[in-house]
N, C-alpha and C. Protein backbone atom coordinates (compact mmCIF):
# COMPACT_ATOMS: atom_id res chain seq x y z
N MET A 1 10.33 -6.78 -61.95
CA MET A 1 11.34 -6.24 -62.89
C MET A 1 10.58 -6.15 -63.97
N ARG A 2 10.52 -5.15 -64.99
CA ARG A 2 9.78 -5.09 -66.03
C ARG A 2 10.86 -5.02 -67.30
N GLU A 3 10.24 -5.88 -68.59
CA GLU A 3 11.11 -6.00 -69.52
C GLU A 3 10.31 -5.48 -70.86
N TYR A 4 10.99 -4.87 -71.87
CA TYR A 4 10.33 -4.18 -73.14
C TYR A 4 11.02 -5.07 -74.31
N ALA A 5 10.28 -5.07 -75.22
CA ALA A 5 10.99 -5.91 -76.61
C ALA A 5 11.83 -4.96 -77.18
N GLN A 6 11.49 -3.49 -77.30
CA GLN A 6 12.47 -2.46 -78.02
C GLN A 6 12.74 -1.11 -77.04
N PRO A 7 13.58 -0.51 -77.07
CA PRO A 7 14.43 0.46 -76.19
C PRO A 7 13.56 1.85 -76.82
N SER A 8 12.19 1.95 -76.56
CA SER A 8 11.58 2.78 -77.49
C SER A 8 10.46 3.22 -76.85
N ALA A 9 9.47 4.70 -77.02
CA ALA A 9 8.28 5.20 -76.44
C ALA A 9 8.40 5.14 -75.14
N ALA A 10 9.66 5.52 -74.64
CA ALA A 10 9.36 5.86 -73.06
C ALA A 10 8.28 6.78 -72.52
N HIS A 11 7.79 8.00 -73.49
CA HIS A 11 7.00 8.73 -73.29
C HIS A 11 5.54 8.00 -72.71
N VAL A 12 5.60 6.96 -73.59
CA VAL A 12 3.87 6.04 -73.82
C VAL A 12 4.37 5.33 -72.40
N LEU A 13 5.31 4.42 -72.38
CA LEU A 13 5.41 3.23 -71.40
C LEU A 13 5.78 3.82 -69.96
N GLY A 14 6.38 4.71 -69.88
CA GLY A 14 6.77 5.68 -68.60
C GLY A 14 7.67 4.79 -67.84
N TYR A 15 7.95 4.93 -66.69
CA TYR A 15 9.06 4.49 -66.13
C TYR A 15 8.75 3.73 -64.67
N VAL A 16 9.38 3.18 -63.94
CA VAL A 16 9.12 3.04 -62.47
C VAL A 16 10.29 3.68 -61.56
N SER A 17 9.96 3.80 -60.17
CA SER A 17 10.87 4.39 -59.50
C SER A 17 10.50 3.92 -57.98
N GLU A 18 11.46 4.23 -57.17
CA GLU A 18 11.35 3.51 -55.88
C GLU A 18 10.08 4.15 -55.05
N VAL A 19 9.27 3.55 -54.29
CA VAL A 19 8.40 4.06 -53.67
C VAL A 19 8.53 5.03 -52.70
N ASN A 20 7.65 6.22 -52.28
CA ASN A 20 8.15 7.15 -51.25
C ASN A 20 7.05 7.01 -50.09
N ASP A 21 7.11 7.75 -49.07
CA ASP A 21 6.18 7.38 -48.00
C ASP A 21 4.83 7.33 -48.38
N ALA A 22 4.33 8.35 -49.23
CA ALA A 22 3.19 8.85 -49.56
C ALA A 22 2.49 7.19 -50.33
N ASP A 23 3.23 6.67 -51.11
CA ASP A 23 2.84 5.38 -51.88
C ASP A 23 2.76 4.44 -50.97
N ILE A 24 3.50 4.41 -49.59
CA ILE A 24 3.48 3.35 -48.79
C ILE A 24 2.04 3.44 -48.17
N GLN A 25 1.89 4.67 -47.71
CA GLN A 25 0.96 5.03 -47.06
C GLN A 25 -0.45 4.86 -47.64
N ARG A 26 -0.61 5.07 -48.68
CA ARG A 26 -1.58 4.89 -49.67
C ARG A 26 -1.89 3.25 -49.73
N GLU A 27 -1.08 2.62 -50.08
CA GLU A 27 -1.31 1.14 -50.41
C GLU A 27 -0.36 0.54 -49.63
N GLU A 28 -1.04 -0.58 -48.68
CA GLU A 28 -0.33 -1.46 -47.89
C GLU A 28 0.48 -2.51 -48.48
N TYR A 29 0.26 -2.86 -49.82
CA TYR A 29 1.22 -3.63 -50.61
C TYR A 29 2.49 -3.33 -50.71
N TYR A 30 2.90 -1.89 -50.33
CA TYR A 30 4.17 -1.61 -50.71
C TYR A 30 5.10 -1.42 -49.36
N LYS A 31 6.07 -1.47 -49.70
CA LYS A 31 7.21 -1.75 -48.42
C LYS A 31 8.46 -0.63 -49.13
N SER A 32 9.22 -0.19 -48.08
CA SER A 32 10.24 0.75 -48.51
C SER A 32 11.30 -0.10 -49.19
N GLY A 33 11.68 0.47 -50.51
CA GLY A 33 12.60 -0.47 -51.46
C GLY A 33 11.99 -1.01 -52.49
N ASP A 34 10.46 -1.21 -52.47
CA ASP A 34 10.02 -1.69 -53.63
C ASP A 34 9.86 -0.64 -54.94
N TYR A 35 9.48 -0.93 -55.94
CA TYR A 35 9.42 -0.20 -57.15
C TYR A 35 7.69 -0.10 -57.69
N ILE A 36 7.35 1.04 -58.22
CA ILE A 36 6.14 1.53 -58.66
C ILE A 36 6.21 2.29 -59.87
N GLY A 37 5.21 1.85 -60.79
CA GLY A 37 4.92 2.59 -62.19
C GLY A 37 4.79 4.26 -61.76
N ALA A 38 5.64 5.00 -62.08
CA ALA A 38 5.54 6.48 -62.02
C ALA A 38 4.83 7.47 -62.93
N SER A 39 4.85 6.69 -64.17
CA SER A 39 4.33 7.29 -65.29
C SER A 39 3.84 6.36 -66.38
N GLY A 40 2.93 7.05 -67.30
CA GLY A 40 2.44 6.46 -68.62
C GLY A 40 1.91 5.08 -68.19
N ILE A 41 2.02 4.04 -69.13
CA ILE A 41 1.07 3.05 -68.79
C ILE A 41 1.78 2.04 -67.51
N GLU A 42 2.96 2.08 -67.31
CA GLU A 42 3.54 1.68 -65.97
C GLU A 42 2.93 1.94 -64.80
N LYS A 43 2.40 3.38 -64.81
CA LYS A 43 1.51 3.79 -63.54
C LYS A 43 0.20 3.74 -63.80
N THR A 44 -0.64 3.40 -65.01
CA THR A 44 -1.39 3.17 -65.17
C THR A 44 -2.06 1.95 -64.82
N TYR A 45 -1.52 1.09 -65.36
CA TYR A 45 -1.80 -0.31 -64.95
C TYR A 45 -0.83 -1.14 -63.79
N GLU A 46 -0.47 -0.46 -62.99
CA GLU A 46 0.57 -0.88 -61.88
C GLU A 46 0.07 -2.07 -61.37
N LYS A 47 -1.43 -2.08 -60.83
CA LYS A 47 -1.90 -3.27 -60.43
C LYS A 47 -1.97 -4.44 -61.24
N GLN A 48 -1.89 -4.52 -62.37
CA GLN A 48 -1.82 -5.55 -63.09
C GLN A 48 -0.33 -6.06 -63.41
N LEU A 49 0.34 -5.17 -63.83
CA LEU A 49 1.66 -5.71 -63.82
C LEU A 49 2.46 -6.02 -62.82
N ARG A 50 2.57 -5.59 -61.37
CA ARG A 50 3.12 -6.03 -60.42
C ARG A 50 3.12 -7.43 -59.91
N GLY A 51 2.20 -8.15 -60.17
CA GLY A 51 1.86 -9.55 -59.82
C GLY A 51 1.82 -9.48 -58.05
N ILE A 52 1.95 -10.67 -57.41
CA ILE A 52 1.90 -10.71 -55.92
C ILE A 52 3.03 -11.05 -55.23
N LYS A 53 3.59 -10.50 -54.28
CA LYS A 53 4.73 -10.61 -53.72
C LYS A 53 4.66 -12.33 -53.12
N GLY A 54 5.78 -12.87 -52.93
CA GLY A 54 5.84 -14.16 -52.51
C GLY A 54 6.37 -14.02 -50.84
N ILE A 55 6.53 -15.09 -50.32
CA ILE A 55 7.05 -14.96 -48.67
C ILE A 55 7.96 -16.16 -48.61
N LYS A 56 9.16 -15.85 -48.13
CA LYS A 56 10.15 -16.98 -47.84
C LYS A 56 10.57 -16.48 -46.34
N LYS A 57 10.17 -17.27 -45.39
CA LYS A 57 10.46 -17.28 -43.86
C LYS A 57 11.94 -18.06 -43.79
N GLN A 58 12.91 -16.95 -43.33
CA GLN A 58 14.40 -17.56 -42.61
C GLN A 58 14.41 -17.59 -41.35
N LEU A 59 15.12 -18.54 -41.02
CA LEU A 59 15.69 -18.79 -39.43
C LEU A 59 17.02 -18.27 -39.21
N VAL A 60 16.95 -17.34 -38.17
CA VAL A 60 18.21 -16.54 -38.01
C VAL A 60 18.31 -16.92 -36.54
N ASP A 61 19.90 -16.46 -35.87
CA ASP A 61 20.10 -16.78 -34.63
C ASP A 61 20.05 -15.52 -34.04
N VAL A 62 20.37 -15.47 -32.94
CA VAL A 62 20.59 -14.21 -31.98
C VAL A 62 21.06 -12.98 -32.29
N HIS A 63 22.18 -13.07 -33.35
CA HIS A 63 23.01 -12.23 -33.79
C HIS A 63 22.43 -11.95 -35.37
N ASN A 64 21.27 -12.27 -35.63
CA ASN A 64 20.54 -12.11 -37.02
C ASN A 64 21.48 -12.40 -38.02
N ARG A 65 21.93 -13.81 -37.95
CA ARG A 65 22.64 -14.68 -38.74
C ARG A 65 21.50 -15.52 -39.62
N LEU A 66 21.73 -15.79 -40.74
CA LEU A 66 20.79 -16.57 -41.35
C LEU A 66 21.26 -18.24 -41.17
N GLN A 67 20.25 -18.99 -40.84
CA GLN A 67 20.52 -20.26 -40.43
C GLN A 67 19.92 -21.04 -41.07
N GLY A 68 19.43 -20.64 -42.51
CA GLY A 68 18.37 -21.50 -43.23
C GLY A 68 16.58 -21.51 -43.22
N SER A 69 16.28 -22.08 -43.93
CA SER A 69 14.73 -21.73 -44.32
C SER A 69 14.16 -22.59 -43.00
N TYR A 70 13.00 -21.78 -42.63
CA TYR A 70 12.14 -21.93 -41.61
C TYR A 70 11.25 -23.16 -41.85
N LEU A 71 11.19 -24.13 -40.95
CA LEU A 71 10.58 -25.13 -41.23
C LEU A 71 10.67 -25.79 -42.68
N GLU A 72 11.74 -25.82 -42.96
CA GLU A 72 12.14 -26.30 -44.57
C GLU A 72 11.45 -25.92 -45.86
N GLY A 73 10.92 -24.56 -45.26
CA GLY A 73 10.23 -23.95 -46.59
C GLY A 73 8.57 -24.21 -46.71
N VAL A 74 8.44 -24.75 -45.72
CA VAL A 74 6.85 -25.53 -46.00
C VAL A 74 6.11 -24.23 -46.16
N GLU A 75 6.27 -23.28 -45.24
CA GLU A 75 5.16 -22.09 -45.39
C GLU A 75 5.50 -20.96 -45.99
N ASP A 76 6.86 -21.01 -47.14
CA ASP A 76 7.18 -20.29 -48.06
C ASP A 76 5.79 -20.16 -48.96
N ILE A 77 5.84 -19.16 -49.80
CA ILE A 77 4.77 -18.83 -50.68
C ILE A 77 5.45 -18.16 -51.85
N PRO A 78 5.56 -19.00 -53.15
CA PRO A 78 6.35 -17.94 -54.27
C PRO A 78 5.67 -17.27 -54.58
N ALA A 79 6.38 -16.04 -55.43
CA ALA A 79 5.49 -14.89 -56.03
C ALA A 79 4.86 -15.43 -57.07
N LYS A 80 4.08 -14.61 -57.55
CA LYS A 80 3.20 -14.43 -58.87
C LYS A 80 3.71 -13.39 -59.79
N ILE A 81 3.99 -13.68 -61.06
CA ILE A 81 4.37 -12.63 -62.12
C ILE A 81 3.38 -12.11 -62.63
N GLY A 82 3.36 -10.70 -62.49
CA GLY A 82 2.38 -9.88 -63.21
C GLY A 82 1.81 -10.26 -64.85
N ASN A 83 0.90 -9.58 -64.94
CA ASN A 83 0.30 -9.61 -66.09
C ASN A 83 0.96 -8.92 -67.46
N ASN A 84 1.09 -9.44 -68.66
CA ASN A 84 1.65 -8.89 -69.52
C ASN A 84 0.66 -7.74 -70.16
N ILE A 85 1.05 -6.91 -70.80
CA ILE A 85 0.24 -5.89 -71.57
C ILE A 85 0.75 -5.77 -72.98
N VAL A 86 -0.40 -5.92 -73.83
CA VAL A 86 0.05 -5.44 -75.44
C VAL A 86 -0.61 -4.31 -75.70
N SER A 87 0.08 -3.47 -76.16
CA SER A 87 -0.11 -2.23 -76.61
C SER A 87 -0.51 -2.25 -78.38
N THR A 88 -1.17 -1.19 -78.86
CA THR A 88 -1.06 -1.21 -80.17
C THR A 88 -0.40 -0.38 -80.68
N LEU A 89 0.53 0.34 -80.06
CA LEU A 89 1.49 0.95 -80.76
C LEU A 89 2.36 0.27 -81.57
N ASP A 90 2.58 1.03 -82.54
CA ASP A 90 3.54 0.28 -83.93
C ASP A 90 4.98 0.57 -83.38
N ALA A 91 5.53 -0.58 -82.84
CA ALA A 91 6.79 -0.39 -82.43
C ALA A 91 8.12 0.17 -83.59
N ASP A 92 7.70 -0.45 -84.99
CA ASP A 92 8.79 -0.10 -85.84
C ASP A 92 8.42 1.39 -86.32
N LEU A 93 7.23 1.95 -86.40
CA LEU A 93 7.00 3.18 -86.69
C LEU A 93 7.42 4.50 -85.65
N GLN A 94 7.25 3.82 -84.22
CA GLN A 94 7.84 4.56 -83.35
C GLN A 94 9.08 4.68 -83.19
N SER A 95 9.94 3.73 -83.48
CA SER A 95 11.60 3.71 -83.70
C SER A 95 11.83 4.36 -84.65
N TYR A 96 11.16 4.42 -85.73
CA TYR A 96 11.32 5.09 -87.09
C TYR A 96 11.42 6.80 -86.66
N ALA A 97 10.26 7.08 -85.91
CA ALA A 97 9.90 8.47 -85.62
C ALA A 97 11.14 9.05 -84.45
N GLU A 98 11.24 7.96 -83.57
CA GLU A 98 12.59 8.39 -82.38
C GLU A 98 13.95 8.70 -83.20
N GLN A 99 14.05 8.04 -84.45
CA GLN A 99 15.51 8.06 -85.44
C GLN A 99 15.42 9.41 -86.15
N LEU A 100 14.32 9.88 -86.55
CA LEU A 100 13.88 11.11 -87.28
C LEU A 100 14.14 12.34 -86.26
N PHE A 101 13.71 12.27 -85.12
CA PHE A 101 14.03 13.35 -84.19
C PHE A 101 15.22 13.46 -83.89
N GLU A 102 15.88 12.08 -83.56
CA GLU A 102 17.63 12.22 -83.02
C GLU A 102 18.24 12.93 -84.36
N ILE A 103 17.97 12.56 -85.46
CA ILE A 103 18.74 13.38 -86.85
C ILE A 103 18.56 14.43 -86.80
N LYS A 104 17.01 15.17 -86.53
CA LYS A 104 16.79 16.43 -86.67
C LYS A 104 17.66 17.29 -85.26
N ARG A 105 17.79 16.56 -83.99
CA ARG A 105 18.35 17.26 -83.15
C ARG A 105 19.97 17.30 -83.25
N CYS A 106 20.16 16.19 -84.12
CA CYS A 106 22.10 16.39 -84.33
C CYS A 106 22.22 17.33 -85.26
N ASN A 107 21.42 17.68 -86.11
CA ASN A 107 21.60 18.45 -87.39
C ASN A 107 21.10 20.03 -86.95
N GLY A 108 20.68 20.16 -85.63
CA GLY A 108 20.44 21.64 -85.02
C GLY A 108 18.74 21.96 -85.29
N GLY A 109 18.15 21.00 -85.65
CA GLY A 109 16.55 21.45 -86.12
C GLY A 109 16.04 21.83 -84.75
N TYR A 110 16.37 21.57 -83.43
CA TYR A 110 15.68 22.11 -82.33
C TYR A 110 16.41 22.61 -81.03
């Protein structure tokens, strides 16, 4: 999951989307249902942002019902959080510019 201090600069920050078959074939790291940076900083720095997946082994019965942790979790590996990235984008200036564009749009400016 990604978290941002302010809801602005989407054109620079980009977005994440669910991986497709081509992403999965291109990189062994991804499995169906994972998310990947699709544009902007999210895409450019995907490997640094994504972190490392953990492993949790579960014991199930013949009907695939969860019975608990395998070996009491001894072989589990915790996930590692990805790196933070600090941009030089002025967040206050960006927010102000977006407000001006919104006012212009609402007034029929474009």
